[in-house]
Amino acid sequence: MLRHLVGLLCVGLALSAGAREGAPGSIAVTDLPPEARETLRLIDRVGPYPYRRDGIIFKNLERRLPQKTRGYYREYTVTTPGSTDRGARRIITGEQPPAVFYYTDDHYRSFRRIKRKD
């Protein structure tokens, strides 16, 4: 009986980890904060970006996005009004040129895929 319960617990943990890693929720562009929409415009125009680190490789060390080869993801700062540094908000793009877009407002703890009507 105990072995069965432990097995069910392991399955539940694996399912929740899978939801965290490969299946982020989504958000419409119109539901993003205005600063994130501006960052998307900059990405579409290929800059110029306000932060030196914009466009660097995002390594996905937290494994909250689908696993891809190194260099697949790039990160861009979403300005946070009132913040004295880059803040916690980012847009992560996938592919070159970008074809997949994710938004995080909690510095990589969670992501939502941006639904774009290109």
PDB file of N, CA and C in Angstrom:
ATOM      1  N   MET A   1       0.826  -1.193   0.000  1.00  0.00           N
ATOM      2  CA  MET A   1       0.000   0.000   0.000  1.00  0.00           C
ATOM      3  C   MET A   1       0.873   1.261   0.000  1.00  0.00           C
ATOM      4  N   LEU A   2       1.883   1.284   0.872  1.00  0.00           N
ATOM      5  CA  LEU A   2       2.775   2.436   0.947  1.00  0.00           C
ATOM      6  C   LEU A   2       3.525   2.616  -0.372  1.00  0.00           C
ATOM      7  N   ARG A   3       3.967   1.512  -0.948  1.00  0.00           N
ATOM      8  CA  ARG A   3       4.674   1.579  -2.221  1.00  0.00           C
ATOM      9  C   ARG A   3       3.772   2.175  -3.310  1.00  0.00           C
ATOM     10  N   HIS A   4       2.506   1.817  -3.300  1.00  0.00           N
ATOM     11  CA  HIS A   4       1.541   2.348  -4.265  1.00  0.00           C
ATOM     12  C   HIS A   4       1.383   3.859  -4.077  1.00  0.00           C
ATOM     13  N   LEU A   5       1.268   4.310  -2.837  1.00  0.00           N
ATOM     14  CA  LEU A   5       1.127   5.740  -2.560  1.00  0.00           C
ATOM     15  C   LEU A   5       2.368   6.527  -2.994  1.00  0.00           C
ATOM     16  N   VAL A   6       3.537   5.976  -2.733  1.00  0.00           N
ATOM     17  CA  VAL A   6       4.773   6.625  -3.148  1.00  0.00           C
ATOM     18  C   VAL A   6       4.815   6.722  -4.680  1.00  0.00           C
ATOM     19  N   GLY A   7       4.389   5.671  -5.362  1.00  0.00           N
ATOM     20  CA  GLY A   7       4.352   5.685  -6.823  1.00  0.00           C
ATOM     21  C   GLY A   7       3.409   6.758  -7.351  1.00  0.00           C
ATOM     22  N   LEU A   8       2.235   6.882  -6.741  1.00  0.00           N
ATOM     23  CA  LEU A   8       1.300   7.923  -7.160  1.00  0.00           C
ATOM     24  C   LEU A   8       1.871   9.315  -6.919  1.00  0.00           C
ATOM     25  N   LEU A   9       2.544   9.497  -5.797  1.00  0.00           N
ATOM     26  CA  LEU A   9       3.171  10.776  -5.503  1.00  0.00           C
ATOM     27  C   LEU A   9       4.232  11.111  -6.546  1.00  0.00           C
ATOM     28  N   CYS A  10       5.040  10.143  -6.926  1.00  0.00           N
ATOM     29  CA  CYS A  10       6.081  10.376  -7.936  1.00  0.00           C
ATOM     30  C   CYS A  10       5.467  10.746  -9.280  1.00  0.00           C
ATOM     31  N   VAL A  11       4.373  10.087  -9.666  1.00  0.00           N
ATOM     32  CA  VAL A  11       3.696  10.406 -10.916  1.00  0.00           C
ATOM     33  C   VAL A  11       3.159  11.831 -10.865  1.00  0.00           C
ATOM     34  N   GLY A  12       2.559  12.209  -9.736  1.00  0.00           N
ATOM     35  CA  GLY A  12       2.040  13.567  -9.575  1.00  0.00           C
ATOM     36  C   GLY A  12       3.133  14.606  -9.663  1.00  0.00           C
ATOM     37  N   LEU A  13       4.281  14.342  -9.045  1.00  0.00           N
ATOM     38  CA  LEU A  13       5.403  15.280  -9.122  1.00  0.00           C
ATOM     39  C   LEU A  13       5.929  15.389 -10.539  1.00  0.00           C
ATOM     40  N   ALA A  14       5.996  14.291 -11.239  1.00  0.00           N
ATOM     41  CA  ALA A  14       6.474  14.316 -12.620  1.00  0.00           C
ATOM     42  C   ALA A  14       5.519  15.107 -13.508  1.00  0.00           C
ATOM     43  N   LEU A  15       4.219  14.937 -13.295  1.00  0.00           N
ATOM     44  CA  LEU A  15       3.251  15.685 -14.084  1.00  0.00           C
ATOM     45  C   LEU A  15       3.347  17.177 -13.814  1.00  0.00           C
ATOM     46  N   SER A  16       3.484  17.576 -12.549  1.00  0.00           N
ATOM     47  CA  SER A  16       3.582  19.002 -12.250  1.00  0.00           C
ATOM     48  C   SER A  16       4.885  19.576 -12.787  1.00  0.00           C
ATOM     49  N   ALA A  17       5.970  18.811 -12.769  1.00  0.00           N
ATOM     50  CA  ALA A  17       7.235  19.288 -13.326  1.00  0.00           C
ATOM     51  C   ALA A  17       7.104  19.461 -14.830  1.00  0.00           C
ATOM     52  N   GLY A  18       6.417  18.542 -15.495  1.00  0.00           N
ATOM     53  CA  GLY A  18       6.226  18.650 -16.936  1.00  0.00           C
ATOM     54  C   GLY A  18       5.416  19.879 -17.295  1.00  0.00           C
ATOM     55  N   ALA A  19       4.402  20.185 -16.508  1.00  0.00           N
ATOM     56  CA  ALA A  19       3.611  21.384 -16.767  1.00  0.00           C
ATOM     57  C   ALA A  19       4.474  22.624 -16.594  1.00  0.00           C
ATOM     58  N   ARG A  20       5.353  22.589 -15.639  1.00  0.00           N
ATOM     59  CA  ARG A  20       6.224  23.729 -15.376  1.00  0.00           C
ATOM     60  C   ARG A  20       7.265  23.882 -16.486  1.00  0.00           C
ATOM     61  N   GLU A  21       7.781  22.768 -16.990  1.00  0.00           N
ATOM     62  CA  GLU A  21       8.883  22.830 -17.946  1.00  0.00           C
ATOM     63  C   GLU A  21       8.425  23.076 -19.376  1.00  0.00           C
ATOM     64  N   GLY A  22       7.432  22.369 -19.837  1.00  0.00           N
ATOM     65  CA  GLY A  22       7.175  22.419 -21.256  1.00  0.00           C
ATOM     66  C   GLY A  22       5.851  23.016 -21.673  1.00  0.00           C
ATOM     67  N   ALA A  23       5.031  23.437 -20.749  1.00  0.00           N
ATOM     68  CA  ALA A  23       3.710  23.898 -21.122  1.00  0.00           C
ATOM     69  C   ALA A  23       3.328  25.181 -20.390  1.00  0.00           C
ATOM     70  N   PRO A  24       4.034  26.278 -20.679  1.00  0.00           N
ATOM     71  CA  PRO A  24       3.656  27.518 -20.024  1.00  0.00           C
ATOM     72  C   PRO A  24       2.285  27.976 -20.512  1.00  0.00           C
ATOM     73  N   GLY A  25       1.578  28.749 -19.679  1.00  0.00           N
ATOM     74  CA  GLY A  25       0.310  29.317 -20.095  1.00  0.00           C
ATOM     75  C   GLY A  25       0.545  30.325 -21.201  1.00  0.00           C
ATOM     76  N   SER A  26      -0.502  31.036 -21.593  1.00  0.00           N
ATOM     77  CA  SER A  26      -0.334  32.010 -22.666  1.00  0.00           C
ATOM     78  C   SER A  26      -0.929  33.348 -22.270  1.00  0.00           C
ATOM     79  N   ILE A  27      -0.548  34.375 -23.023  1.00  0.00           N
ATOM     80  CA  ILE A  27      -1.034  35.731 -22.804  1.00  0.00           C
ATOM     81  C   ILE A  27      -1.104  36.417 -24.165  1.00  0.00           C
ATOM     82  N   ALA A  28      -2.179  37.173 -24.384  1.00  0.00           N
ATOM     83  CA  ALA A  28      -2.322  37.929 -25.625  1.00  0.00           C
ATOM     84  C   ALA A  28      -1.457  39.184 -25.560  1.00  0.00           C
ATOM     85  N   VAL A  29      -0.994  39.638 -26.703  1.00  0.00           N
ATOM     86  CA  VAL A  29      -0.190  40.855 -26.757  1.00  0.00           C
ATOM     87  C   VAL A  29      -0.941  42.009 -26.104  1.00  0.00           C
ATOM     88  N   THR A  30      -2.244  42.095 -26.326  1.00  0.00           N
ATOM     89  CA  THR A  30      -3.040  43.197 -25.765  1.00  0.00           C
ATOM     90  C   THR A  30      -3.118  43.149 -24.248  1.00  0.00           C
ATOM     91  N   ASP A  31      -2.832  41.986 -23.650  1.00  0.00           N
ATOM     92  CA  ASP A  31      -2.865  41.855 -22.190  1.00  0.00           C
ATOM     93  C   ASP A  31      -1.506  42.111 -21.542  1.00  0.00           C
ATOM     94  N   LEU A  32      -0.482  42.303 -22.359  1.00  0.00           N
ATOM     95  CA  LEU A  32       0.851  42.605 -21.824  1.00  0.00           C
ATOM     96  C   LEU A  32       0.898  44.049 -21.347  1.00  0.00           C
ATOM     97  N   PRO A  33       1.770  44.345 -20.390  1.00  0.00           N
ATOM     98  CA  PRO A  33       1.943  45.752 -20.015  1.00  0.00           C
ATOM     99  C   PRO A  33       2.507  46.545 -21.199  1.00  0.00           C
ATOM    100  N   PRO A  34       2.265  47.856 -21.246  1.00  0.00           N
ATOM    101  CA  PRO A  34       2.737  48.644 -22.395  1.00  0.00           C
ATOM    102  C   PRO A  34       4.236  48.546 -22.620  1.00  0.00           C
ATOM    103  N   GLU A  35       5.015  48.401 -21.568  1.00  0.00           N
ATOM    104  CA  GLU A  35       6.471  48.282 -21.711  1.00  0.00           C
ATOM    105  C   GLU A  35       6.851  46.996 -22.435  1.00  0.00           C
ATOM    106  N   ALA A  36       6.096  45.926 -22.217  1.00  0.00           N
ATOM    107  CA  ALA A  36       6.362  44.662 -22.913  1.00  0.00           C
ATOM    108  C   ALA A  36       5.998  44.783 -24.389  1.00  0.00           C
ATOM    109  N   ARG A  37       4.911  45.481 -24.680  1.00  0.00           N
ATOM    110  CA  ARG A  37       4.555  45.701 -26.089  1.00  0.00           C
ATOM    111  C   ARG A  37       5.628  46.523 -26.790  1.00  0.00           C
ATOM    112  N   GLU A  38       6.215  47.489 -26.096  1.00  0.00           N
ATOM    113  CA  GLU A  38       7.313  48.274 -26.676  1.00  0.00           C
ATOM    114  C   GLU A  38       8.536  47.389 -26.916  1.00  0.00           C
ATOM    115  N   THR A  39       8.839  46.491 -25.982  1.00  0.00           N
ATOM    116  CA  THR A  39       9.965  45.566 -26.173  1.00  0.00           C
ATOM    117  C   THR A  39       9.731  44.691 -27.396  1.00  0.00           C
ATOM    118  N   LEU A  40       8.501  44.216 -27.594  1.00  0.00           N
ATOM    119  CA  LEU A  40       8.188  43.433 -28.803  1.00  0.00           C
ATOM    120  C   LEU A  40       8.428  44.253 -30.061  1.00  0.00           C
ATOM    121  N   ARG A  41       8.045  45.534 -30.049  1.00  0.00           N
ATOM    122  CA  ARG A  41       8.292  46.397 -31.212  1.00  0.00           C
ATOM    123  C   ARG A  41       9.795  46.515 -31.488  1.00  0.00           C
ATOM    124  N   LEU A  42      10.591  46.662 -30.417  1.00  0.00           N
ATOM    125  CA  LEU A  42      12.042  46.751 -30.593  1.00  0.00           C
ATOM    126  C   LEU A  42      12.608  45.448 -31.166  1.00  0.00           C
ATOM    127  N   ILE A  43      12.100  44.325 -30.689  1.00  0.00           N
ATOM    128  CA  ILE A  43      12.558  43.029 -31.202  1.00  0.00           C
ATOM    129  C   ILE A  43      12.224  42.916 -32.693  1.00  0.00           C
ATOM    130  N   ASP A  44      11.008  43.315 -33.064  1.00  0.00           N
ATOM    131  CA  ASP A  44      10.600  43.263 -34.474  1.00  0.00           C
ATOM    132  C   ASP A  44      11.490  44.154 -35.345  1.00  0.00           C
ATOM    133  N   ARG A  45      11.937  45.297 -34.802  1.00  0.00           N
ATOM    134  CA  ARG A  45      12.789  46.240 -35.559  1.00  0.00           C
ATOM    135  C   ARG A  45      14.276  45.931 -35.404  1.00  0.00           C
ATOM    136  N   VAL A  46      14.596  44.912 -34.581  1.00  0.00           N
ATOM    137  CA  VAL A  46      15.981  44.523 -34.287  1.00  0.00           C
ATOM    138  C   VAL A  46      16.733  45.690 -33.622  1.00  0.00           C
ATOM    139  N   GLY A  47      16.071  46.308 -32.641  1.00  0.00           N
ATOM    140  CA  GLY A  47      16.706  47.349 -31.841  1.00  0.00           C
ATOM    141  C   GLY A  47      16.475  48.735 -32.407  1.00  0.00           C
ATOM    142  N   PRO A  48      17.204  49.684 -31.868  1.00  0.00           N
ATOM    143  CA  PRO A  48      18.219  49.556 -30.813  1.00  0.00           C
ATOM    144  C   PRO A  48      17.565  49.301 -29.455  1.00  0.00           C
ATOM    145  N   TYR A  49      18.263  48.547 -28.624  1.00  0.00           N
ATOM    146  CA  TYR A  49      17.750  48.152 -27.322  1.00  0.00           C
ATOM    147  C   TYR A  49      18.313  49.055 -26.231  1.00  0.00           C
ATOM    148  N   PRO A  50      17.513  49.304 -25.189  1.00  0.00           N
ATOM    149  CA  PRO A  50      17.961  50.216 -24.134  1.00  0.00           C
ATOM    150  C   PRO A  50      18.971  49.613 -23.163  1.00  0.00           C
ATOM    151  N   TYR A  51      19.086  48.298 -23.128  1.00  0.00           N
ATOM    152  CA  TYR A  51      19.983  47.643 -22.166  1.00  0.00           C
ATOM    153  C   TYR A  51      21.060  46.852 -22.905  1.00  0.00           C
ATOM    154  N   ARG A  52      22.257  46.953 -22.423  1.00  0.00           N
ATOM    155  CA  ARG A  52      23.416  46.300 -23.034  1.00  0.00           C
ATOM    156  C   ARG A  52      23.228  44.789 -23.154  1.00  0.00           C
ATOM    157  N   ARG A  53      22.538  44.171 -22.203  1.00  0.00           N
ATOM    158  CA  ARG A  53      22.395  42.714 -22.200  1.00  0.00           C
ATOM    159  C   ARG A  53      21.210  42.210 -23.033  1.00  0.00           C
ATOM    160  N   ASP A  54      20.445  43.114 -23.610  1.00  0.00           N
ATOM    161  CA  ASP A  54      19.327  42.674 -24.450  1.00  0.00           C
ATOM    162  C   ASP A  54      19.851  41.931 -25.668  1.00  0.00           C
ATOM    163  N   GLY A  55      19.235  40.781 -25.942  1.00  0.00           N
ATOM    164  CA  GLY A  55      19.632  39.959 -27.080  1.00  0.00           C
ATOM    165  C   GLY A  55      20.634  38.864 -26.752  1.00  0.00           C
ATOM    166  N   ILE A  56      21.049  38.793 -25.467  1.00  0.00           N
ATOM    167  CA  ILE A  56      21.997  37.733 -25.108  1.00  0.00           C
ATOM    168  C   ILE A  56      21.296  36.381 -25.084  1.00  0.00           C
ATOM    169  N   ILE A  57      22.074  35.326 -25.141  1.00  0.00           N
ATOM    170  CA  ILE A  57      21.525  33.966 -25.097  1.00  0.00           C
ATOM    171  C   ILE A  57      20.908  33.713 -23.726  1.00  0.00           C
ATOM    172  N   PHE A  58      19.686  33.203 -23.738  1.00  0.00           N
ATOM    173  CA  PHE A  58      19.002  32.767 -22.525  1.00  0.00           C
ATOM    174  C   PHE A  58      19.219  31.262 -22.428  1.00  0.00           C
ATOM    175  N   LYS A  59      19.843  30.811 -21.347  1.00  0.00           N
ATOM    176  CA  LYS A  59      20.253  29.406 -21.228  1.00  0.00           C
ATOM    177  C   LYS A  59      19.169  28.464 -20.726  1.00  0.00           C
ATOM    178  N   ASN A  60      18.049  28.997 -20.240  1.00  0.00           N
ATOM    179  CA  ASN A  60      16.950  28.157 -19.757  1.00  0.00           C
ATOM    180  C   ASN A  60      17.407  27.217 -18.644  1.00  0.00           C
ATOM    181  N   LEU A  61      18.266  27.717 -17.773  1.00  0.00           N
ATOM    182  CA  LEU A  61      18.794  26.897 -16.676  1.00  0.00           C
ATOM    183  C   LEU A  61      17.702  26.416 -15.738  1.00  0.00           C
ATOM    184  N   GLU A  62      16.630  27.176 -15.618  1.00  0.00           N
ATOM    185  CA  GLU A  62      15.517  26.808 -14.739  1.00  0.00           C
ATOM    186  C   GLU A  62      14.662  25.701 -15.349  1.00  0.00           C
ATOM    187  N   ARG A  63      14.837  25.461 -16.642  1.00  0.00           N
ATOM    188  CA  ARG A  63      14.110  24.431 -17.393  1.00  0.00           C
ATOM    189  C   ARG A  63      12.598  24.615 -17.333  1.00  0.00           C
ATOM    190  N   ARG A  64      12.174  25.841 -17.391  1.00  0.00           N
ATOM    191  CA  ARG A  64      10.742  26.129 -17.381  1.00  0.00           C
ATOM    192  C   ARG A  64      10.188  26.297 -18.800  1.00  0.00           C
ATOM    193  N   LEU A  65      11.085  26.395 -19.765  1.00  0.00           N
ATOM    194  CA  LEU A  65      10.694  26.430 -21.174  1.00  0.00           C
ATOM    195  C   LEU A  65      11.113  25.115 -21.817  1.00  0.00           C
ATOM    196  N   PRO A  66      10.528  24.783 -22.964  1.00  0.00           N
ATOM    197  CA  PRO A  66      10.930  23.540 -23.627  1.00  0.00           C
ATOM    198  C   PRO A  66      12.442  23.512 -23.880  1.00  0.00           C
ATOM    199  N   GLN A  67      13.044  22.358 -23.675  1.00  0.00           N
ATOM    200  CA  GLN A  67      14.494  22.206 -23.873  1.00  0.00           C
ATOM    201  C   GLN A  67      14.829  22.334 -25.357  1.00  0.00           C
ATOM    202  N   LYS A  68      15.792  23.195 -25.647  1.00  0.00           N
ATOM    203  CA  LYS A  68      16.267  23.417 -27.010  1.00  0.00           C
ATOM    204  C   LYS A  68      17.785  23.511 -26.962  1.00  0.00           C
ATOM    205  N   THR A  69      18.403  23.539 -28.129  1.00  0.00           N
ATOM    206  CA  THR A  69      19.862  23.648 -28.178  1.00  0.00           C
ATOM    207  C   THR A  69      20.293  25.041 -27.723  1.00  0.00           C
ATOM    208  N   ARG A  70      21.536  25.110 -27.242  1.00  0.00           N
ATOM    209  CA  ARG A  70      22.073  26.387 -26.771  1.00  0.00           C
ATOM    210  C   ARG A  70      22.037  27.404 -27.911  1.00  0.00           C
ATOM    211  N   GLY A  71      21.595  28.603 -27.587  1.00  0.00           N
ATOM    212  CA  GLY A  71      21.497  29.654 -28.585  1.00  0.00           C
ATOM    213  C   GLY A  71      20.115  29.812 -29.173  1.00  0.00           C
ATOM    214  N   TYR A  72      19.222  28.854 -28.907  1.00  0.00           N
ATOM    215  CA  TYR A  72      17.851  28.928 -29.432  1.00  0.00           C
ATOM    216  C   TYR A  72      17.103  30.108 -28.823  1.00  0.00           C
ATOM    217  N   TYR A  73      17.270  30.330 -27.510  1.00  0.00           N
ATOM    218  CA  TYR A  73      16.538  31.389 -26.805  1.00  0.00           C
ATOM    219  C   TYR A  73      17.394  32.640 -26.635  1.00  0.00           C
ATOM    220  N   ARG A  74      16.760  33.808 -26.745  1.00  0.00           N
ATOM    221  CA  ARG A  74      17.385  35.109 -26.463  1.00  0.00           C
ATOM    222  C   ARG A  74      16.496  35.847 -25.477  1.00  0.00           C
ATOM    223  N   GLU A  75      17.098  36.714 -24.672  1.00  0.00           N
ATOM    224  CA  GLU A  75      16.303  37.452 -23.690  1.00  0.00           C
ATOM    225  C   GLU A  75      16.409  38.955 -23.888  1.00  0.00           C
ATOM    226  N   TYR A  76      15.298  39.630 -23.550  1.00  0.00           N
ATOM    227  CA  TYR A  76      15.191  41.074 -23.697  1.00  0.00           C
ATOM    228  C   TYR A  76      14.501  41.643 -22.457  1.00  0.00           C
ATOM    229  N   THR A  77      14.987  42.775 -22.012  1.00  0.00           N
ATOM    230  CA  THR A  77      14.452  43.427 -20.827  1.00  0.00           C
ATOM    231  C   THR A  77      13.134  44.118 -21.148  1.00  0.00           C
ATOM    232  N   VAL A  78      12.183  43.966 -20.230  1.00  0.00           N
ATOM    233  CA  VAL A  78      10.960  44.752 -20.263  1.00  0.00           C
ATOM    234  C   VAL A  78      11.099  45.758 -19.125  1.00  0.00           C
ATOM    235  N   THR A  79      11.190  47.026 -19.469  1.00  0.00           N
ATOM    236  CA  THR A  79      11.400  48.078 -18.479  1.00  0.00           C
ATOM    237  C   THR A  79      10.314  48.032 -17.409  1.00  0.00           C
ATOM    238  N   THR A  80      10.725  48.209 -16.170  1.00  0.00           N
ATOM    239  CA  THR A  80       9.803  48.272 -15.036  1.00  0.00           C
ATOM    240  C   THR A  80       9.793  49.699 -14.510  1.00  0.00           C
ATOM    241  N   PRO A  81       8.670  50.412 -14.652  1.00  0.00           N
ATOM    242  CA  PRO A  81       8.625  51.789 -14.164  1.00  0.00           C
ATOM    243  C   PRO A  81       9.003  51.869 -12.687  1.00  0.00           C
ATOM    244  N   GLY A  82       9.849  52.827 -12.356  1.00  0.00           N
ATOM    245  CA  GLY A  82      10.269  53.027 -10.971  1.00  0.00           C
ATOM    246  C   GLY A  82      11.435  52.173 -10.528  1.00  0.00           C
ATOM    247  N   SER A  83      11.838  51.203 -11.351  1.00  0.00           N
ATOM    248  CA  SER A  83      12.957  50.334 -10.981  1.00  0.00           C
ATOM    249  C   SER A  83      14.268  51.035 -11.301  1.00  0.00           C
ATOM    250  N   THR A  84      15.254  50.852 -10.427  1.00  0.00           N
ATOM    251  CA  THR A  84      16.566  51.459 -10.656  1.00  0.00           C
ATOM    252  C   THR A  84      17.504  50.521 -11.418  1.00  0.00           C
ATOM    253  N   ASP A  85      17.052  49.283 -11.691  1.00  0.00           N
ATOM    254  CA  ASP A  85      17.858  48.344 -12.471  1.00  0.00           C
ATOM    255  C   ASP A  85      16.976  47.741 -13.560  1.00  0.00           C
ATOM    256  N   ARG A  86      17.383  46.638 -14.129  1.00  0.00           N
ATOM    257  CA  ARG A  86      16.611  46.012 -15.208  1.00  0.00           C
ATOM    258  C   ARG A  86      15.289  45.422 -14.736  1.00  0.00           C
ATOM    259  N   GLY A  87      15.117  45.238 -13.460  1.00  0.00           N
ATOM    260  CA  GLY A  87      13.876  44.670 -12.964  1.00  0.00           C
ATOM    261  C   GLY A  87      13.763  43.193 -13.256  1.00  0.00           C
ATOM    262  N   ALA A  88      12.567  42.641 -13.054  1.00  0.00           N
ATOM    263  CA  ALA A  88      12.352  41.201 -13.167  1.00  0.00           C
ATOM    264  C   ALA A  88      11.660  40.782 -14.453  1.00  0.00           C
ATOM    265  N   ARG A  89      11.202  41.728 -15.236  1.00  0.00           N
ATOM    266  CA  ARG A  89      10.398  41.390 -16.414  1.00  0.00           C
ATOM    267  C   ARG A  89      11.267  41.196 -17.647  1.00  0.00           C
ATOM    268  N   ARG A  90      10.964  40.134 -18.403  1.00  0.00           N
ATOM    269  CA  ARG A  90      11.713  39.823 -19.622  1.00  0.00           C
ATOM    270  C   ARG A  90      10.792  39.245 -20.690  1.00  0.00           C
ATOM    271  N   ILE A  91      11.216  39.390 -21.914  1.00  0.00           N
ATOM    272  CA  ILE A  91      10.647  38.633 -23.027  1.00  0.00           C
ATOM    273  C   ILE A  91      11.761  37.721 -23.521  1.00  0.00           C
ATOM    274  N   ILE A  92      11.431  36.450 -23.657  1.00  0.00           N
ATOM    275  CA  ILE A  92      12.361  35.450 -24.171  1.00  0.00           C
ATOM    276  C   ILE A  92      11.857  35.050 -25.549  1.00  0.00           C
ATOM    277  N   THR A  93      12.756  35.072 -26.523  1.00  0.00           N
ATOM    278  CA  THR A  93      12.374  34.656 -27.872  1.00  0.00           C
ATOM    279  C   THR A  93      13.029  33.324 -28.199  1.00  0.00           C
ATOM    280  N   GLY A  94      12.409  32.607 -29.109  1.00  0.00           N
ATOM    281  CA  GLY A  94      12.965  31.351 -29.585  1.00  0.00           C
ATOM    282  C   GLY A  94      13.090  31.382 -31.089  1.00  0.00           C
ATOM    283  N   GLU A  95      14.157  30.802 -31.592  1.00  0.00           N
ATOM    284  CA  GLU A  95      14.520  30.728 -33.009  1.00  0.00           C
ATOM    285  C   GLU A  95      15.151  32.037 -33.460  1.00  0.00           C
ATOM    286  N   GLN A  96      15.791  31.968 -34.621  1.00  0.00           N
ATOM    287  CA  GLN A  96      16.395  33.146 -35.248  1.00  0.00           C
ATOM    288  C   GLN A  96      16.003  33.151 -36.710  1.00  0.00           C
ATOM    289  N   PRO A  97      15.245  34.108 -37.213  1.00  0.00           N
ATOM    290  CA  PRO A  97      14.656  35.214 -36.468  1.00  0.00           C
ATOM    291  C   PRO A  97      13.587  34.698 -35.510  1.00  0.00           C
ATOM    292  N   PRO A  98      13.262  35.505 -34.486  1.00  0.00           N
ATOM    293  CA  PRO A  98      12.336  35.040 -33.455  1.00  0.00           C
ATOM    294  C   PRO A  98      10.978  34.618 -34.018  1.00  0.00           C
ATOM    295  N   ALA A  99      10.531  33.436 -33.606  1.00  0.00           N
ATOM    296  CA  ALA A  99       9.237  32.918 -34.029  1.00  0.00           C
ATOM    297  C   ALA A  99       8.365  32.547 -32.834  1.00  0.00           C
ATOM    298  N   VAL A 100       8.974  32.414 -31.658  1.00  0.00           N
ATOM    299  CA  VAL A 100       8.275  32.043 -30.434  1.00  0.00           C
ATOM    300  C   VAL A 100       8.637  33.091 -29.388  1.00  0.00           C
ATOM    301  N   PHE A 101       7.639  33.530 -28.612  1.00  0.00           N
ATOM    302  CA  PHE A 101       7.851  34.595 -27.640  1.00  0.00           C
ATOM    303  C   PHE A 101       7.231  34.206 -26.301  1.00  0.00           C
ATOM    304  N   TYR A 102       7.977  34.444 -25.211  1.00  0.00           N
ATOM    305  CA  TYR A 102       7.501  34.173 -23.858  1.00  0.00           C
ATOM    306  C   TYR A 102       7.677  35.428 -23.007  1.00  0.00           C
ATOM    307  N   TYR A 103       6.787  35.596 -22.036  1.00  0.00           N
ATOM    308  CA  TYR A 103       6.866  36.730 -21.110  1.00  0.00           C
ATOM    309  C   TYR A 103       6.992  36.204 -19.683  1.00  0.00           C
ATOM    310  N   THR A 104       7.892  36.809 -18.912  1.00  0.00           N
ATOM    311  CA  THR A 104       8.001  36.524 -17.484  1.00  0.00           C
ATOM    312  C   THR A 104       8.019  37.848 -16.743  1.00  0.00           C
ATOM    313  N   ASP A 105       7.275  37.920 -15.661  1.00  0.00           N
ATOM    314  CA  ASP A 105       7.305  39.131 -14.839  1.00  0.00           C
ATOM    315  C   ASP A 105       7.898  38.845 -13.464  1.00  0.00           C
ATOM    316  N   ASP A 106       8.431  37.627 -13.293  1.00  0.00           N
ATOM    317  CA  ASP A 106       8.990  37.231 -11.994  1.00  0.00           C
ATOM    318  C   ASP A 106      10.393  36.631 -12.133  1.00  0.00           C
ATOM    319  N   HIS A 107      11.156  37.160 -13.067  1.00  0.00           N
ATOM    320  CA  HIS A 107      12.554  36.773 -13.297  1.00  0.00           C
ATOM    321  C   HIS A 107      12.733  35.262 -13.446  1.00  0.00           C
ATOM    322  N   TYR A 108      12.040  34.709 -14.414  1.00  0.00           N
ATOM    323  CA  TYR A 108      12.197  33.319 -14.861  1.00  0.00           C
ATOM    324  C   TYR A 108      11.522  32.266 -13.969  1.00  0.00           C
ATOM    325  N   ARG A 109      10.774  32.657 -12.957  1.00  0.00           N
ATOM    326  CA  ARG A 109      10.071  31.646 -12.144  1.00  0.00           C
ATOM    327  C   ARG A 109       8.876  31.070 -12.896  1.00  0.00           C
ATOM    328  N   SER A 110       8.269  31.891 -13.755  1.00  0.00           N
ATOM    329  CA  SER A 110       7.147  31.407 -14.563  1.00  0.00           C
ATOM    330  C   SER A 110       7.162  32.136 -15.902  1.00  0.00           C
ATOM    331  N   PHE A 111       6.569  31.499 -16.892  1.00  0.00           N
ATOM    332  CA  PHE A 111       6.511  32.056 -18.237  1.00  0.00           C
ATOM    333  C   PHE A 111       5.111  31.888 -18.802  1.00  0.00           C
ATOM    334  N   ARG A 112       4.741  32.809 -19.681  1.00  0.00           N
ATOM    335  CA  ARG A 112       3.523  32.679 -20.468  1.00  0.00           C
ATOM    336  C   ARG A 112       3.901  32.904 -21.926  1.00  0.00           C
ATOM    337  N   ARG A 113       3.424  32.023 -22.783  1.00  0.00           N
ATOM    338  CA  ARG A 113       3.714  32.181 -24.209  1.00  0.00           C
ATOM    339  C   ARG A 113       2.867  33.327 -24.742  1.00  0.00           C
ATOM    340  N   ILE A 114       3.507  34.225 -25.481  1.00  0.00           N
ATOM    341  CA  ILE A 114       2.806  35.374 -26.034  1.00  0.00           C
ATOM    342  C   ILE A 114       2.107  34.950 -27.325  1.00  0.00           C
ATOM    343  N   LYS A 115       0.814  35.172 -27.359  1.00  0.00           N
ATOM    344  CA  LYS A 115       0.026  34.846 -28.558  1.00  0.00           C
ATOM    345  C   LYS A 115       0.071  36.065 -29.476  1.00  0.00           C
ATOM    346  N   ARG A 116       0.742  35.917 -30.602  1.00  0.00           N
ATOM    347  CA  ARG A 116       0.877  37.011 -31.569  1.00  0.00           C
ATOM    348  C   ARG A 116       0.085  36.678 -32.822  1.00  0.00           C
ATOM    349  N   LYS A 117      -0.478  37.710 -33.425  1.00  0.00           N
ATOM    350  CA  LYS A 117      -1.208  37.550 -34.686  1.00  0.00           C
ATOM    351  C   LYS A 117      -0.369  38.137 -35.791  1.00  0.00           C
ATOM    352  N   ASP A 118       0.722  37.480 -36.143  1.00  0.00           N
ATOM    353  CA  ASP A 118       1.624  37.996 -37.182  1.00  0.00           C
ATOM    354  C   ASP A 118       1.113  37.713 -38.558  1.00  0.00           C
TER     355      ASP A 118
END
